């Protein structure tokens, strides 16, 4: 490993680093029939809504942010 790679790993593992990337928020989408789509990103939820608006009637559905379990 190069010194740059080691620095990158140490920065990522340091909880106090301001250069650490934020974890991506995930959502669970509950469809009108009760089906749940888990581990969806915000882009996934938006794509679902856009598809529903384009191809049909947008029925009631719920998107809830998943809690971190760490």
PDB file of N, CA and C in Angstrom:
ATOM      1  N   UNK A   1       0.841  -1.196   0.000  1.00  0.00           N
ATOM      2  CA  UNK A   1       0.000   0.000   0.000  1.00  0.00           C
ATOM      3  C   UNK A   1       0.875   1.245   0.000  1.00  0.00           C
ATOM      4  N   UNK A   2       0.393   2.230  -0.693  1.00  0.00           N
ATOM      5  CA  UNK A   2       1.121   3.493  -0.719  1.00  0.00           C
ATOM      6  C   UNK A   2       0.739   4.323   0.504  1.00  0.00           C
ATOM      7  N   UNK A   3       1.572   5.287   0.862  1.00  0.00           N
ATOM      8  CA  UNK A   3       1.218   6.160   2.003  1.00  0.00           C
ATOM      9  C   UNK A   3      -0.105   6.896   1.802  1.00  0.00           C
ATOM     10  N   UNK A   4      -0.448   7.244   0.566  1.00  0.00           N
ATOM     11  CA  UNK A   4      -1.719   7.917   0.292  1.00  0.00           C
ATOM     12  C   UNK A   4      -2.906   6.994   0.569  1.00  0.00           C
ATOM     13  N   UNK A   5      -2.779   5.727   0.203  1.00  0.00           N
ATOM     14  CA  UNK A   5      -3.851   4.771   0.467  1.00  0.00           C
ATOM     15  C   UNK A   5      -4.027   4.556   1.964  1.00  0.00           C
ATOM     16  N   UNK A   6      -2.927   4.493   2.688  1.00  0.00           N
ATOM     17  CA  UNK A   6      -2.991   4.319   4.142  1.00  0.00           C
ATOM     18  C   UNK A   6      -3.665   5.532   4.773  1.00  0.00           C
ATOM     19  N   UNK A   7      -3.299   6.732   4.332  1.00  0.00           N
ATOM     20  CA  UNK A   7      -3.934   7.966   4.836  1.00  0.00           C
ATOM     21  C   UNK A   7      -5.433   7.958   4.571  1.00  0.00           C
ATOM     22  N   UNK A   8      -5.814   7.531   3.372  1.00  0.00           N
ATOM     23  CA  UNK A   8      -7.232   7.501   3.011  1.00  0.00           C
ATOM     24  C   UNK A   8      -8.005   6.549   3.923  1.00  0.00           C
ATOM     25  N   UNK A   9      -7.449   5.391   4.202  1.00  0.00           N
ATOM     26  CA  UNK A   9      -8.100   4.417   5.086  1.00  0.00           C
ATOM     27  C   UNK A   9      -8.187   4.959   6.504  1.00  0.00           C
ATOM     28  N   UNK A  10      -7.122   5.556   7.001  1.00  0.00           N
ATOM     29  CA  UNK A  10      -7.127   6.107   8.359  1.00  0.00           C
ATOM     30  C   UNK A  10      -8.133   7.251   8.483  1.00  0.00           C
ATOM     31  N   UNK A  11      -8.229   8.087   7.461  1.00  0.00           N
ATOM     32  CA  UNK A  11      -9.200   9.183   7.462  1.00  0.00           C
ATOM     33  C   UNK A  11     -10.616   8.639   7.478  1.00  0.00           C
ATOM     34  N   UNK A  12     -10.866   7.611   6.680  1.00  0.00           N
ATOM     35  CA  UNK A  12     -12.199   7.011   6.621  1.00  0.00           C
ATOM     36  C   UNK A  12     -12.576   6.402   7.964  1.00  0.00           C
ATOM     37  N   UNK A  13     -11.634   5.786   8.638  1.00  0.00           N
ATOM     38  CA  UNK A  13     -11.906   5.119   9.907  1.00  0.00           C
ATOM     39  C   UNK A  13     -11.926   6.064  11.104  1.00  0.00           C
ATOM     40  N   UNK A  14     -11.458   7.286  10.946  1.00  0.00           N
ATOM     41  CA  UNK A  14     -11.422   8.251  12.047  1.00  0.00           C
ATOM     42  C   UNK A  14     -12.793   8.929  12.185  1.00  0.00           C
ATOM     43  N   UNK A  15     -13.517   8.656  13.292  1.00  0.00           N
ATOM     44  CA  UNK A  15     -14.858   9.238  13.445  1.00  0.00           C
ATOM     45  C   UNK A  15     -14.852  10.757  13.612  1.00  0.00           C
ATOM     46  N   UNK A  16     -13.701  11.337  13.922  1.00  0.00           N
ATOM     47  CA  UNK A  16     -13.611  12.786  14.110  1.00  0.00           C
ATOM     48  C   UNK A  16     -13.133  13.531  12.869  1.00  0.00           C
ATOM     49  N   UNK A  17     -12.887  12.806  11.796  1.00  0.00           N
ATOM     50  CA  UNK A  17     -12.377  13.426  10.589  1.00  0.00           C
ATOM     51  C   UNK A  17     -13.475  14.208   9.876  1.00  0.00           C
ATOM     52  N   UNK A  18     -13.162  15.434   9.476  1.00  0.00           N
ATOM     53  CA  UNK A  18     -14.137  16.237   8.733  1.00  0.00           C
ATOM     54  C   UNK A  18     -14.180  15.823   7.264  1.00  0.00           C
ATOM     55  N   UNK A  19     -13.269  14.957   6.849  1.00  0.00           N
ATOM     56  CA  UNK A  19     -13.231  14.504   5.463  1.00  0.00           C
ATOM     57  C   UNK A  19     -13.957  13.182   5.269  1.00  0.00           C
ATOM     58  N   UNK A  20     -14.521  12.667   6.338  1.00  0.00           N
ATOM     59  CA  UNK A  20     -15.227  11.390   6.255  1.00  0.00           C
ATOM     60  C   UNK A  20     -16.563  11.618   5.548  1.00  0.00           C
ATOM     61  N   UNK A  21     -16.872  10.750   4.604  1.00  0.00           N
ATOM     62  CA  UNK A  21     -18.127  10.920   3.866  1.00  0.00           C
ATOM     63  C   UNK A  21     -19.304  10.534   4.747  1.00  0.00           C
ATOM     64  N   UNK A  22     -20.419  11.209   4.518  1.00  0.00           N
ATOM     65  CA  UNK A  22     -21.639  10.916   5.266  1.00  0.00           C
ATOM     66  C   UNK A  22     -22.254   9.626   4.733  1.00  0.00           C
ATOM     67  N   UNK A  23     -22.795   8.794   5.613  1.00  0.00           N
ATOM     68  CA  UNK A  23     -23.445   7.579   5.114  1.00  0.00           C
ATOM     69  C   UNK A  23     -24.700   7.940   4.326  1.00  0.00           C
ATOM     70  N   UNK A  24     -24.995   7.161   3.314  1.00  0.00           N
ATOM     71  CA  UNK A  24     -26.173   7.423   2.492  1.00  0.00           C
ATOM     72  C   UNK A  24     -27.429   6.980   3.244  1.00  0.00           C
ATOM     73  N   UNK A  25     -28.426   7.851   3.280  1.00  0.00           N
ATOM     74  CA  UNK A  25     -29.673   7.512   3.948  1.00  0.00           C
ATOM     75  C   UNK A  25     -30.463   6.537   3.093  1.00  0.00           C
ATOM     76  N   UNK A  26     -31.046   5.544   3.755  1.00  0.00           N
ATOM     77  CA  UNK A  26     -31.847   4.551   3.056  1.00  0.00           C
ATOM     78  C   UNK A  26     -33.288   4.631   3.527  1.00  0.00           C
ATOM     79  N   UNK A  27     -34.196   4.263   2.644  1.00  0.00           N
ATOM     80  CA  UNK A  27     -35.622   4.365   2.914  1.00  0.00           C
ATOM     81  C   UNK A  27     -36.305   3.028   2.651  1.00  0.00           C
ATOM     82  N   UNK A  28     -37.428   2.821   3.330  1.00  0.00           N
ATOM     83  CA  UNK A  28     -38.310   1.700   3.047  1.00  0.00           C
ATOM     84  C   UNK A  28     -39.570   2.278   2.434  1.00  0.00           C
ATOM     85  N   UNK A  29     -39.915   1.810   1.238  1.00  0.00           N
ATOM     86  CA  UNK A  29     -41.110   2.267   0.542  1.00  0.00           C
ATOM     87  C   UNK A  29     -42.189   1.208   0.729  1.00  0.00           C
ATOM     88  N   UNK A  30     -43.356   1.629   1.250  1.00  0.00           N
ATOM     89  CA  UNK A  30     -44.489   0.721   1.411  1.00  0.00           C
ATOM     90  C   UNK A  30     -45.507   1.035   0.318  1.00  0.00           C
ATOM     91  N   UNK A  31     -45.740   0.068  -0.548  1.00  0.00           N
ATOM     92  CA  UNK A  31     -46.656   0.240  -1.667  1.00  0.00           C
ATOM     93  C   UNK A  31     -48.098   0.040  -1.197  1.00  0.00           C
ATOM     94  N   UNK A  32     -49.090   0.471  -1.990  1.00  0.00           N
ATOM     95  CA  UNK A  32     -50.497   0.360  -1.579  1.00  0.00           C
ATOM     96  C   UNK A  32     -50.939  -1.066  -1.254  1.00  0.00           C
ATOM     97  N   UNK A  33     -50.331  -2.069  -1.878  1.00  0.00           N
ATOM     98  CA  UNK A  33     -50.727  -3.457  -1.600  1.00  0.00           C
ATOM     99  C   UNK A  33     -50.005  -4.053  -0.395  1.00  0.00           C
ATOM    100  N   UNK A  34     -49.209  -3.240   0.293  1.00  0.00           N
ATOM    101  CA  UNK A  34     -48.507  -3.701   1.486  1.00  0.00           C
ATOM    102  C   UNK A  34     -47.093  -4.188   1.227  1.00  0.00           C
ATOM    103  N   UNK A  35     -46.714  -4.317  -0.038  1.00  0.00           N
ATOM    104  CA  UNK A  35     -45.363  -4.730  -0.384  1.00  0.00           C
ATOM    105  C   UNK A  35     -44.373  -3.661   0.063  1.00  0.00           C
ATOM    106  N   UNK A  36     -43.235  -4.093   0.596  1.00  0.00           N
ATOM    107  CA  UNK A  36     -42.226  -3.137   1.028  1.00  0.00           C
ATOM    108  C   UNK A  36     -40.956  -3.289   0.201  1.00  0.00           C
ATOM    109  N   UNK A  37     -40.427  -2.170  -0.225  1.00  0.00           N
ATOM    110  CA  UNK A  37     -39.141  -2.120  -0.913  1.00  0.00           C
ATOM    111  C   UNK A  37     -38.151  -1.532   0.087  1.00  0.00           C
ATOM    112  N   UNK A  38     -37.218  -2.345   0.570  1.00  0.00           N
ATOM    113  CA  UNK A  38     -36.279  -1.875   1.599  1.00  0.00           C
ATOM    114  C   UNK A  38     -34.955  -1.461   0.977  1.00  0.00           C
ATOM    115  N   UNK A  39     -34.187  -0.730   1.744  1.00  0.00           N
ATOM    116  CA  UNK A  39     -32.839  -0.278   1.366  1.00  0.00           C
ATOM    117  C   UNK A  39     -32.853   0.541   0.079  1.00  0.00           C
ATOM    118  N   UNK A  40     -33.808   1.459  -0.037  1.00  0.00           N
ATOM    119  CA  UNK A  40     -33.930   2.316  -1.218  1.00  0.00           C
ATOM    120  C   UNK A  40     -33.245   3.656  -0.947  1.00  0.00           C
ATOM    121  N   UNK A  41     -32.508   4.142  -1.918  1.00  0.00           N
ATOM    122  CA  UNK A  41     -31.905   5.463  -1.785  1.00  0.00           C
ATOM    123  C   UNK A  41     -32.948   6.524  -2.119  1.00  0.00           C
ATOM    124  N   UNK A  42     -32.610   7.763  -1.863  1.00  0.00           N
ATOM    125  CA  UNK A  42     -33.526   8.852  -2.185  1.00  0.00           C
ATOM    126  C   UNK A  42     -33.789   8.880  -3.692  1.00  0.00           C
ATOM    127  N   UNK A  43     -32.770   8.605  -4.483  1.00  0.00           N
ATOM    128  CA  UNK A  43     -32.938   8.568  -5.938  1.00  0.00           C
ATOM    129  C   UNK A  43     -33.894   7.451  -6.351  1.00  0.00           C
ATOM    130  N   UNK A  44     -33.826   6.292  -5.659  1.00  0.00           N
ATOM    131  CA  UNK A  44     -34.745   5.187  -5.956  1.00  0.00           C
ATOM    132  C   UNK A  44     -36.193   5.598  -5.693  1.00  0.00           C
ATOM    133  N   UNK A  45     -36.415   6.279  -4.573  1.00  0.00           N
ATOM    134  CA  UNK A  45     -37.770   6.716  -4.219  1.00  0.00           C
ATOM    135  C   UNK A  45     -38.278   7.713  -5.250  1.00  0.00           C
ATOM    136  N   UNK A  46     -37.437   8.649  -5.637  1.00  0.00           N
ATOM    137  CA  UNK A  46     -37.849   9.641  -6.625  1.00  0.00           C
ATOM    138  C   UNK A  46     -38.139   8.978  -7.974  1.00  0.00           C
ATOM    139  N   UNK A  47     -37.344   7.989  -8.362  1.00  0.00           N
ATOM    140  CA  UNK A  47     -37.579   7.276  -9.621  1.00  0.00           C
ATOM    141  C   UNK A  47     -38.923   6.551  -9.569  1.00  0.00           C
ATOM    142  N   UNK A  48     -39.244   5.954  -8.420  1.00  0.00           N
ATOM    143  CA  UNK A  48     -40.539   5.267  -8.282  1.00  0.00           C
ATOM    144  C   UNK A  48     -41.689   6.250  -8.465  1.00  0.00           C
ATOM    145  N   UNK A  49     -41.602   7.396  -7.809  1.00  0.00           N
ATOM    146  CA  UNK A  49     -42.666   8.400  -7.899  1.00  0.00           C
ATOM    147  C   UNK A  49     -42.802   8.897  -9.340  1.00  0.00           C
ATOM    148  N   UNK A  50     -41.676   9.162  -9.996  1.00  0.00           N
ATOM    149  CA  UNK A  50     -41.726   9.630 -11.379  1.00  0.00           C
ATOM    150  C   UNK A  50     -42.346   8.584 -12.303  1.00  0.00           C
ATOM    151  N   UNK A  51     -41.997   7.312 -12.096  1.00  0.00           N
ATOM    152  CA  UNK A  51     -42.585   6.241 -12.910  1.00  0.00           C
ATOM    153  C   UNK A  51     -44.089   6.159 -12.701  1.00  0.00           C
ATOM    154  N   UNK A  52     -44.512   6.257 -11.444  1.00  0.00           N
ATOM    155  CA  UNK A  52     -45.948   6.196 -11.159  1.00  0.00           C
ATOM    156  C   UNK A  52     -46.690   7.365 -11.792  1.00  0.00           C
ATOM    157  N   UNK A  53     -46.091   8.540 -11.756  1.00  0.00           N
ATOM    158  CA  UNK A  53     -46.739   9.703 -12.363  1.00  0.00           C
ATOM    159  C   UNK A  53     -46.789   9.573 -13.880  1.00  0.00           C
ATOM    160  N   UNK A  54     -45.766   8.972 -14.459  1.00  0.00           N
ATOM    161  CA  UNK A  54     -45.703   8.844 -15.910  1.00  0.00           C
ATOM    162  C   UNK A  54     -46.592   7.719 -16.438  1.00  0.00           C
ATOM    163  N   UNK A  55     -46.642   6.579 -15.722  1.00  0.00           N
ATOM    164  CA  UNK A  55     -47.319   5.396 -16.253  1.00  0.00           C
ATOM    165  C   UNK A  55     -48.640   5.061 -15.582  1.00  0.00           C
ATOM    166  N   UNK A  56     -49.039   5.788 -14.595  1.00  0.00           N
ATOM    167  CA  UNK A  56     -50.295   5.450 -13.946  1.00  0.00           C
ATOM    168  C   UNK A  56     -50.661   6.461 -12.887  1.00  0.00           C
ATOM    169  N   UNK A  57     -51.642   6.092 -12.138  1.00  0.00           N
ATOM    170  CA  UNK A  57     -52.105   6.974 -11.063  1.00  0.00           C
ATOM    171  C   UNK A  57     -51.265   6.701  -9.833  1.00  0.00           C
ATOM    172  N   UNK A  58     -50.751   7.751  -9.252  1.00  0.00           N
ATOM    173  CA  UNK A  58     -49.943   7.616  -8.043  1.00  0.00           C
ATOM    174  C   UNK A  58     -50.875   7.372  -6.872  1.00  0.00           C
ATOM    175  N   UNK A  59     -50.879   6.128  -6.382  1.00  0.00           N
ATOM    176  CA  UNK A  59     -51.709   5.790  -5.238  1.00  0.00           C
ATOM    177  C   UNK A  59     -50.949   6.129  -3.955  1.00  0.00           C
ATOM    178  N   UNK A  60     -51.630   5.966  -2.843  1.00  0.00           N
ATOM    179  CA  UNK A  60     -50.992   6.231  -1.567  1.00  0.00           C
ATOM    180  C   UNK A  60     -49.837   5.267  -1.343  1.00  0.00           C
ATOM    181  N   UNK A  61     -48.717   5.814  -0.955  1.00  0.00           N
ATOM    182  CA  UNK A  61     -47.593   4.984  -0.551  1.00  0.00           C
ATOM    183  C   UNK A  61     -46.819   5.761   0.499  1.00  0.00           C
ATOM    184  N   UNK A  62     -45.960   5.077   1.208  1.00  0.00           N
ATOM    185  CA  UNK A  62     -45.226   5.714   2.288  1.00  0.00           C
ATOM    186  C   UNK A  62     -43.745   5.381   2.143  1.00  0.00           C
ATOM    187  N   UNK A  63     -42.883   6.387   2.290  1.00  0.00           N
ATOM    188  CA  UNK A  63     -41.441   6.179   2.297  1.00  0.00           C
ATOM    189  C   UNK A  63     -40.923   6.639   3.652  1.00  0.00           C
ATOM    190  N   UNK A  64     -40.290   5.733   4.376  1.00  0.00           N
ATOM    191  CA  UNK A  64     -39.802   6.025   5.715  1.00  0.00           C
ATOM    192  C   UNK A  64     -38.306   5.793   5.751  1.00  0.00           C
ATOM    193  N   UNK A  65     -37.570   6.748   6.316  1.00  0.00           N
ATOM    194  CA  UNK A  65     -36.123   6.600   6.437  1.00  0.00           C
ATOM    195  C   UNK A  65     -35.815   5.468   7.408  1.00  0.00           C
ATOM    196  N   UNK A  66     -34.899   4.596   7.024  1.00  0.00           N
ATOM    197  CA  UNK A  66     -34.504   3.487   7.874  1.00  0.00           C
ATOM    198  C   UNK A  66     -33.518   3.981   8.929  1.00  0.00           C
ATOM    199  N   UNK A  67     -33.647   3.452  10.128  1.00  0.00           N
ATOM    200  CA  UNK A  67     -32.759   3.828  11.225  1.00  0.00           C
ATOM    201  C   UNK A  67     -31.442   3.058  11.074  1.00  0.00           C
ATOM    202  N   UNK A  68     -30.349   3.718  11.487  1.00  0.00           N
ATOM    203  CA  UNK A  68     -29.063   3.048  11.465  1.00  0.00           C
ATOM    204  C   UNK A  68     -28.994   2.076  12.633  1.00  0.00           C
ATOM    205  N   UNK A  69     -28.487   0.889  12.406  1.00  0.00           N
ATOM    206  CA  UNK A  69     -28.386  -0.139  13.439  1.00  0.00           C
ATOM    207  C   UNK A  69     -26.942  -0.406  13.820  1.00  0.00           C
ATOM    208  N   UNK A  70     -26.146   0.640  13.919  1.00  0.00           N
ATOM    209  CA  UNK A  70     -24.740   0.438  14.252  1.00  0.00           C
ATOM    210  C   UNK A  70     -24.466   0.910  15.641  1.00  0.00           C
TER     211      UNK A  70
END
